[in-house]
């Protein structure tokens, strides 16, 4: 699998995606980010089944739950059930505070669940800290 992409950002809201990219860029973490707008496009990127035949194995995936085509939860079901992709850390970055979404995300194998802060500075801080942790501090299996 291609190691060029460090972060796969799956976000259909362009404003939230731009804020996330800005937060990652603030800490020089946005150099190798692939931003896709739905779960189907994300699965194509991971498995090389779309227009681009390359497969991407990011160091971390940031995903919203409410996505067109393939939801965030369905995306989690697929990649966490696959031996090739189940160890990729996934951070849910969503506006949902619903207990059922949190419980189902963890049951499917999500590594972290972050509710998007409404205030700009808090949003930037949350994404920056998550990015720093998962890219620099976390030690994934080989």
C-alpha atoms as a PDB file:
ATOM      1  CA  UNK A   1       0.000   0.000   0.000  1.00  0.00           C
ATOM      2  CA  UNK A   2       1.129   3.525  -0.784  1.00  0.00           C
ATOM      3  CA  UNK A   3       2.551   5.386   2.229  1.00  0.00           C
ATOM      4  CA  UNK A   4       2.451   8.889   0.697  1.00  0.00           C
ATOM      5  CA  UNK A   5      -0.783   9.864   2.408  1.00  0.00           C
ATOM      6  CA  UNK A   6      -0.493  10.262   6.181  1.00  0.00           C
ATOM      7  CA  UNK A   7      -4.021  11.523   6.870  1.00  0.00           C
ATOM      8  CA  UNK A   8      -7.251  10.583   5.150  1.00  0.00           C
ATOM      9  CA  UNK A   9      -9.856  13.264   5.887  1.00  0.00           C
ATOM     10  CA  UNK A  10     -13.426  12.175   5.129  1.00  0.00           C
ATOM     11  CA  UNK A  11     -15.667  15.234   5.417  1.00  0.00           C
ATOM     12  CA  UNK A  12     -18.541  16.383   3.198  1.00  0.00           C
ATOM     13  CA  UNK A  13     -18.778  19.873   4.716  1.00  0.00           C
ATOM     14  CA  UNK A  14     -16.191  22.058   2.965  1.00  0.00           C
ATOM     15  CA  UNK A  15     -16.088  24.599   5.821  1.00  0.00           C
ATOM     16  CA  UNK A  16     -15.334  21.893   8.390  1.00  0.00           C
ATOM     17  CA  UNK A  17     -12.764  20.335   6.048  1.00  0.00           C
ATOM     18  CA  UNK A  18     -11.031  23.684   5.554  1.00  0.00           C
ATOM     19  CA  UNK A  19     -10.957  24.264   9.324  1.00  0.00           C
ATOM     20  CA  UNK A  20      -9.534  20.781   9.856  1.00  0.00           C
ATOM     21  CA  UNK A  21      -6.868  21.355   7.213  1.00  0.00           C
ATOM     22  CA  UNK A  22      -6.032  24.732   8.747  1.00  0.00           C
ATOM     23  CA  UNK A  23      -5.623  23.128  12.181  1.00  0.00           C
ATOM     24  CA  UNK A  24      -3.376  20.413  10.793  1.00  0.00           C
ATOM     25  CA  UNK A  25      -1.387  22.956   8.794  1.00  0.00           C
ATOM     26  CA  UNK A  26      -0.848  25.040  11.937  1.00  0.00           C
ATOM     27  CA  UNK A  27       1.252  22.154  13.287  1.00  0.00           C
ATOM     28  CA  UNK A  28       2.819  21.281   9.920  1.00  0.00           C
ATOM     29  CA  UNK A  29       0.759  18.087   9.737  1.00  0.00           C
ATOM     30  CA  UNK A  30      -1.160  18.837   6.533  1.00  0.00           C
ATOM     31  CA  UNK A  31       1.545  18.025   3.991  1.00  0.00           C
ATOM     32  CA  UNK A  32       0.213  14.598   3.114  1.00  0.00           C
ATOM     33  CA  UNK A  33      -3.552  14.824   3.527  1.00  0.00           C
ATOM     34  CA  UNK A  34      -6.093  13.324   1.165  1.00  0.00           C
ATOM     35  CA  UNK A  35      -9.510  14.949   1.560  1.00  0.00           C
ATOM     36  CA  UNK A  36     -12.528  13.067   0.233  1.00  0.00           C
ATOM     37  CA  UNK A  37     -16.164  14.099   0.541  1.00  0.00           C
ATOM     38  CA  UNK A  38     -17.984  10.801   1.100  1.00  0.00           C
ATOM     39  CA  UNK A  39     -17.510   7.296   2.404  1.00  0.00           C
ATOM     40  CA  UNK A  40     -17.582   5.682  -1.040  1.00  0.00           C
ATOM     41  CA  UNK A  41     -14.724   7.882  -2.235  1.00  0.00           C
ATOM     42  CA  UNK A  42     -12.816   7.016   0.955  1.00  0.00           C
ATOM     43  CA  UNK A  43     -13.242   3.274   0.374  1.00  0.00           C
ATOM     44  CA  UNK A  44     -12.064   3.751  -3.222  1.00  0.00           C
ATOM     45  CA  UNK A  45      -8.930   5.509  -1.905  1.00  0.00           C
ATOM     46  CA  UNK A  46      -8.200   2.838   0.698  1.00  0.00           C
ATOM     47  CA  UNK A  47      -8.737  -0.113  -1.641  1.00  0.00           C
ATOM     48  CA  UNK A  48      -7.743   1.446  -4.982  1.00  0.00           C
ATOM     49  CA  UNK A  49     -11.123   0.710  -6.551  1.00  0.00           C
ATOM     50  CA  UNK A  50     -11.888   4.194  -7.882  1.00  0.00           C
ATOM     51  CA  UNK A  51     -10.419   6.332 -10.655  1.00  0.00           C
ATOM     52  CA  UNK A  52      -7.005   6.164  -8.979  1.00  0.00           C
ATOM     53  CA  UNK A  53      -5.817   2.549  -8.796  1.00  0.00           C
ATOM     54  CA  UNK A  54      -3.368   3.357  -5.972  1.00  0.00           C
ATOM     55  CA  UNK A  55      -4.210   2.111  -2.511  1.00  0.00           C
ATOM     56  CA  UNK A  56      -3.588   4.421   0.425  1.00  0.00           C
ATOM     57  CA  UNK A  57      -2.700   3.301   3.921  1.00  0.00           C
ATOM     58  CA  UNK A  58      -2.829   6.483   5.989  1.00  0.00           C
ATOM     59  CA  UNK A  59      -1.358   6.793   9.464  1.00  0.00           C
ATOM     60  CA  UNK A  60      -4.737   8.067  10.674  1.00  0.00           C
ATOM     61  CA  UNK A  61      -8.245   8.626   9.330  1.00  0.00           C
ATOM     62  CA  UNK A  62     -10.418  11.557  10.437  1.00  0.00           C
ATOM     63  CA  UNK A  63     -14.049  10.878   9.563  1.00  0.00           C
ATOM     64  CA  UNK A  64     -17.417  12.532   9.985  1.00  0.00           C
ATOM     65  CA  UNK A  65     -20.317  10.180  10.669  1.00  0.00           C
ATOM     66  CA  UNK A  66     -22.999  11.845   8.568  1.00  0.00           C
ATOM     67  CA  UNK A  67     -21.722  11.334   5.024  1.00  0.00           C
ATOM     68  CA  UNK A  68     -23.370  10.853   1.624  1.00  0.00           C
ATOM     69  CA  UNK A  69     -23.236   7.534  -0.260  1.00  0.00           C
ATOM     70  CA  UNK A  70     -21.522   5.486   2.486  1.00  0.00           C
ATOM     71  CA  UNK A  71     -21.980   6.710   6.056  1.00  0.00           C
ATOM     72  CA  UNK A  72     -19.138   7.009   8.520  1.00  0.00           C
ATOM     73  CA  UNK A  73     -20.450   4.014  10.466  1.00  0.00           C
ATOM     74  CA  UNK A  74     -20.678   1.864   7.326  1.00  0.00           C
ATOM     75  CA  UNK A  75     -17.129   2.913   6.390  1.00  0.00           C
ATOM     76  CA  UNK A  76     -15.967   1.836   9.861  1.00  0.00           C
ATOM     77  CA  UNK A  77     -17.764  -1.516   9.500  1.00  0.00           C
ATOM     78  CA  UNK A  78     -15.913  -2.226   6.267  1.00  0.00           C
ATOM     79  CA  UNK A  79     -12.368  -1.192   7.185  1.00  0.00           C
ATOM     80  CA  UNK A  80     -12.403  -2.581  10.728  1.00  0.00           C
ATOM     81  CA  UNK A  81     -13.601  -5.976   9.443  1.00  0.00           C
ATOM     82  CA  UNK A  82     -10.737  -6.182   6.927  1.00  0.00           C
ATOM     83  CA  UNK A  83      -7.388  -7.613   8.083  1.00  0.00           C
ATOM     84  CA  UNK A  84      -5.522  -5.232   5.758  1.00  0.00           C
ATOM     85  CA  UNK A  85      -7.050  -2.061   7.219  1.00  0.00           C
ATOM     86  CA  UNK A  86      -8.358  -2.839  10.703  1.00  0.00           C
ATOM     87  CA  UNK A  87      -5.303  -1.432  12.509  1.00  0.00           C
ATOM     88  CA  UNK A  88      -5.437   1.998  10.836  1.00  0.00           C
ATOM     89  CA  UNK A  89      -6.385   4.436  13.631  1.00  0.00           C
ATOM     90  CA  UNK A  90      -9.705   6.164  13.045  1.00  0.00           C
ATOM     91  CA  UNK A  91     -10.787   9.375  14.750  1.00  0.00           C
ATOM     92  CA  UNK A  92     -14.467  10.232  14.454  1.00  0.00           C
ATOM     93  CA  UNK A  93     -14.740  14.017  14.132  1.00  0.00           C
ATOM     94  CA  UNK A  94     -18.442  14.782  14.128  1.00  0.00           C
ATOM     95  CA  UNK A  95     -21.134  17.097  15.418  1.00  0.00           C
ATOM     96  CA  UNK A  96     -23.120  14.150  16.834  1.00  0.00           C
ATOM     97  CA  UNK A  97     -23.229  13.888  20.613  1.00  0.00           C
ATOM     98  CA  UNK A  98     -25.731  11.010  20.500  1.00  0.00           C
ATOM     99  CA  UNK A  99     -24.874   8.148  22.853  1.00  0.00           C
ATOM    100  CA  UNK A 100     -25.888   5.574  20.222  1.00  0.00           C
ATOM    101  CA  UNK A 101     -23.417   7.046  17.688  1.00  0.00           C
ATOM    102  CA  UNK A 102     -20.631   7.049  20.270  1.00  0.00           C
ATOM    103  CA  UNK A 103     -21.375   3.487  21.417  1.00  0.00           C
ATOM    104  CA  UNK A 104     -21.684   2.126  17.866  1.00  0.00           C
ATOM    105  CA  UNK A 105     -18.482   3.867  16.762  1.00  0.00           C
ATOM    106  CA  UNK A 106     -16.501   2.266  19.587  1.00  0.00           C
ATOM    107  CA  UNK A 107     -18.174  -1.110  19.026  1.00  0.00           C
ATOM    108  CA  UNK A 108     -16.998  -0.949  15.404  1.00  0.00           C
ATOM    109  CA  UNK A 109     -13.416  -0.248  16.488  1.00  0.00           C
ATOM    110  CA  UNK A 110     -12.998   3.526  16.312  1.00  0.00           C
ATOM    111  CA  UNK A 111      -9.925   4.731  18.218  1.00  0.00           C
ATOM    112  CA  UNK A 112     -11.218   8.127  19.274  1.00  0.00           C
ATOM    113  CA  UNK A 113     -14.499  10.055  19.166  1.00  0.00           C
ATOM    114  CA  UNK A 114     -14.320  13.854  19.093  1.00  0.00           C
ATOM    115  CA  UNK A 115     -17.377  16.074  18.974  1.00  0.00           C
ATOM    116  CA  UNK A 116     -16.660  19.091  16.784  1.00  0.00           C
ATOM    117  CA  UNK A 117     -16.442  22.179  18.983  1.00  0.00           C
ATOM    118  CA  UNK A 118     -18.603  25.035  17.721  1.00  0.00           C
ATOM    119  CA  UNK A 119     -16.116  27.767  18.593  1.00  0.00           C
ATOM    120  CA  UNK A 120     -13.355  28.290  16.016  1.00  0.00           C
ATOM    121  CA  UNK A 121     -10.413  28.297  18.450  1.00  0.00           C
ATOM    122  CA  UNK A 122     -11.646  25.178  20.229  1.00  0.00           C
ATOM    123  CA  UNK A 123     -12.162  23.403  16.893  1.00  0.00           C
ATOM    124  CA  UNK A 124      -8.600  24.235  15.818  1.00  0.00           C
ATOM    125  CA  UNK A 125      -7.226  23.089  19.182  1.00  0.00           C
ATOM    126  CA  UNK A 126      -9.148  19.777  19.163  1.00  0.00           C
ATOM    127  CA  UNK A 127      -8.021  18.852  15.646  1.00  0.00           C
ATOM    128  CA  UNK A 128      -4.431  19.990  16.273  1.00  0.00           C
ATOM    129  CA  UNK A 129      -4.141  17.893  19.424  1.00  0.00           C
ATOM    130  CA  UNK A 130      -5.695  14.837  17.770  1.00  0.00           C
ATOM    131  CA  UNK A 131      -3.379  15.189  14.785  1.00  0.00           C
ATOM    132  CA  UNK A 132      -0.286  15.593  16.952  1.00  0.00           C
ATOM    133  CA  UNK A 133      -1.187  12.573  19.045  1.00  0.00           C
ATOM    134  CA  UNK A 134      -2.033  10.172  16.213  1.00  0.00           C
ATOM    135  CA  UNK A 135       0.826  11.203  13.914  1.00  0.00           C
ATOM    136  CA  UNK A 136       3.649  11.867  16.352  1.00  0.00           C
ATOM    137  CA  UNK A 137       2.991  10.111  19.665  1.00  0.00           C
ATOM    138  CA  UNK A 138       0.978   7.012  18.775  1.00  0.00           C
ATOM    139  CA  UNK A 139       2.924   3.810  18.017  1.00  0.00           C
ATOM    140  CA  UNK A 140       0.906   1.650  15.624  1.00  0.00           C
ATOM    141  CA  UNK A 141       1.668  -2.023  14.985  1.00  0.00           C
ATOM    142  CA  UNK A 142       3.915  -2.776  12.015  1.00  0.00           C
END
